[in-house]
Amino acid sequence: MIDLIGIVAVVGVVVWLFGRRRPPTRPAPEDDVTTPVDRDELEDAERELADDPDPRSLHDGWGDDEDDWGPGAA
């Protein structure tokens, strides 16, 4: 009788572990791979960066209020 209870418990744990269905993941907006790349715009942006007379590092001026241009900026 103890063996039967053990077998039922093990089967129950296995079913509980492997039988749960997880909801399918929903694609995020940035996962959109169907949008074509605008090659002309990309080349223009690369050319603009290459021709920048005063290039700065990403971390130059980090935290300056005058350079804050992101969402929620005043």
C-alpha atoms as a PDB file:
ATOM      1  CA  MET A   1       0.000   0.000   0.000  1.00  0.00           C
ATOM      2  CA  ILE A   2       2.876   2.373   0.809  1.00  0.00           C
ATOM      3  CA  ASP A   3       4.406   1.609  -2.612  1.00  0.00           C
ATOM      4  CA  LEU A   4       1.146   2.519  -4.351  1.00  0.00           C
ATOM      5  CA  ILE A   5       0.962   5.871  -2.519  1.00  0.00           C
ATOM      6  CA  GLY A   6       4.595   6.588  -3.454  1.00  0.00           C
ATOM      7  CA  ILE A   7       4.007   5.787  -7.113  1.00  0.00           C
ATOM      8  CA  VAL A   8       0.872   7.963  -7.213  1.00  0.00           C
ATOM      9  CA  ALA A   9       2.790  10.804  -5.538  1.00  0.00           C
ATOM     10  CA  VAL A  10       5.683  10.566  -8.030  1.00  0.00           C
ATOM     11  CA  VAL A  11       3.285  10.438 -10.985  1.00  0.00           C
ATOM     12  CA  GLY A  12       1.414  13.433  -9.564  1.00  0.00           C
ATOM     13  CA  VAL A  13       4.617  15.457  -9.217  1.00  0.00           C
ATOM     14  CA  VAL A  14       5.726  14.568 -12.766  1.00  0.00           C
ATOM     15  CA  VAL A  15       2.326  15.529 -14.194  1.00  0.00           C
ATOM     16  CA  TRP A  16       2.366  18.759 -12.169  1.00  0.00           C
ATOM     17  CA  LEU A  17       5.856  19.687 -13.417  1.00  0.00           C
ATOM     18  CA  PHE A  18       5.474  18.787 -17.074  1.00  0.00           C
ATOM     19  CA  GLY A  19       1.735  19.152 -17.551  1.00  0.00           C
ATOM     20  CA  ARG A  20       1.489  22.866 -16.834  1.00  0.00           C
ATOM     21  CA  ARG A  21       0.940  24.934 -19.917  1.00  0.00           C
ATOM     22  CA  ARG A  22       2.627  28.270 -20.083  1.00  0.00           C
ATOM     23  CA  PRO A  23       0.917  31.050 -21.976  1.00  0.00           C
ATOM     24  CA  PRO A  24       2.555  31.710 -25.344  1.00  0.00           C
ATOM     25  CA  THR A  25       4.899  34.661 -25.395  1.00  0.00           C
ATOM     26  CA  ARG A  26       3.585  37.682 -27.239  1.00  0.00           C
ATOM     27  CA  PRO A  27       5.951  39.423 -29.618  1.00  0.00           C
ATOM     28  CA  ALA A  28       7.129  42.820 -28.484  1.00  0.00           C
ATOM     29  CA  PRO A  29       6.927  45.810 -30.836  1.00  0.00           C
ATOM     30  CA  GLU A  30      10.703  45.799 -31.255  1.00  0.00           C
ATOM     31  CA  ASP A  31      10.519  42.214 -32.508  1.00  0.00           C
ATOM     32  CA  ASP A  32       8.914  43.404 -35.746  1.00  0.00           C
ATOM     33  CA  VAL A  33      11.213  41.960 -38.384  1.00  0.00           C
ATOM     34  CA  THR A  34       8.922  42.618 -41.329  1.00  0.00           C
ATOM     35  CA  THR A  35       9.717  46.336 -41.527  1.00  0.00           C
ATOM     36  CA  PRO A  36      12.221  46.919 -44.337  1.00  0.00           C
ATOM     37  CA  VAL A  37      15.389  48.888 -43.626  1.00  0.00           C
ATOM     38  CA  ASP A  38      15.570  52.241 -45.387  1.00  0.00           C
ATOM     39  CA  ARG A  39      19.120  51.953 -46.745  1.00  0.00           C
ATOM     40  CA  ASP A  40      19.254  55.566 -48.014  1.00  0.00           C
ATOM     41  CA  GLU A  41      18.289  56.970 -44.627  1.00  0.00           C
ATOM     42  CA  LEU A  42      20.791  54.682 -42.888  1.00  0.00           C
ATOM     43  CA  GLU A  43      23.605  55.753 -45.228  1.00  0.00           C
ATOM     44  CA  ASP A  44      22.695  59.431 -44.708  1.00  0.00           C
ATOM     45  CA  ALA A  45      22.853  58.997 -40.939  1.00  0.00           C
ATOM     46  CA  GLU A  46      26.217  57.204 -41.132  1.00  0.00           C
ATOM     47  CA  ARG A  47      27.572  59.921 -43.394  1.00  0.00           C
ATOM     48  CA  GLU A  48      26.320  62.608 -40.996  1.00  0.00           C
ATOM     49  CA  LEU A  49      28.099  60.913 -38.084  1.00  0.00           C
ATOM     50  CA  ALA A  50      31.308  60.517 -40.083  1.00  0.00           C
ATOM     51  CA  ASP A  51      31.258  64.204 -41.090  1.00  0.00           C
ATOM     52  CA  ASP A  52      30.537  65.501 -37.566  1.00  0.00           C
ATOM     53  CA  PRO A  53      33.082  68.283 -36.890  1.00  0.00           C
ATOM     54  CA  ASP A  54      32.805  67.904 -33.090  1.00  0.00           C
ATOM     55  CA  PRO A  55      32.298  64.212 -32.258  1.00  0.00           C
ATOM     56  CA  ARG A  56      31.740  63.368 -28.603  1.00  0.00           C
ATOM     57  CA  SER A  57      31.749  60.173 -26.658  1.00  0.00           C
ATOM     58  CA  LEU A  58      28.444  58.847 -25.417  1.00  0.00           C
ATOM     59  CA  HIS A  59      29.502  59.562 -21.843  1.00  0.00           C
ATOM     60  CA  ASP A  60      30.679  63.136 -22.479  1.00  0.00           C
ATOM     61  CA  GLY A  61      28.249  65.428 -20.759  1.00  0.00           C
ATOM     62  CA  TRP A  62      26.387  62.529 -19.206  1.00  0.00           C
ATOM     63  CA  GLY A  63      23.932  63.961 -16.711  1.00  0.00           C
ATOM     64  CA  ASP A  64      24.010  67.537 -17.990  1.00  0.00           C
ATOM     65  CA  ASP A  65      20.547  69.056 -17.898  1.00  0.00           C
ATOM     66  CA  GLU A  66      21.109  70.939 -21.131  1.00  0.00           C
ATOM     67  CA  ASP A  67      21.648  67.696 -23.065  1.00  0.00           C
ATOM     68  CA  ASP A  68      18.518  66.037 -21.687  1.00  0.00           C
ATOM     69  CA  TRP A  69      16.290  65.518 -24.699  1.00  0.00           C
ATOM     70  CA  GLY A  70      14.590  62.190 -23.897  1.00  0.00           C
ATOM     71  CA  PRO A  71      11.023  61.418 -22.894  1.00  0.00           C
ATOM     72  CA  GLY A  72       9.823  63.538 -20.008  1.00  0.00           C
ATOM     73  CA  ALA A  73      12.473  66.206 -20.530  1.00  0.00           C
ATOM     74  CA  ALA A  74      11.412  69.723 -19.738  1.00  0.00           C
END
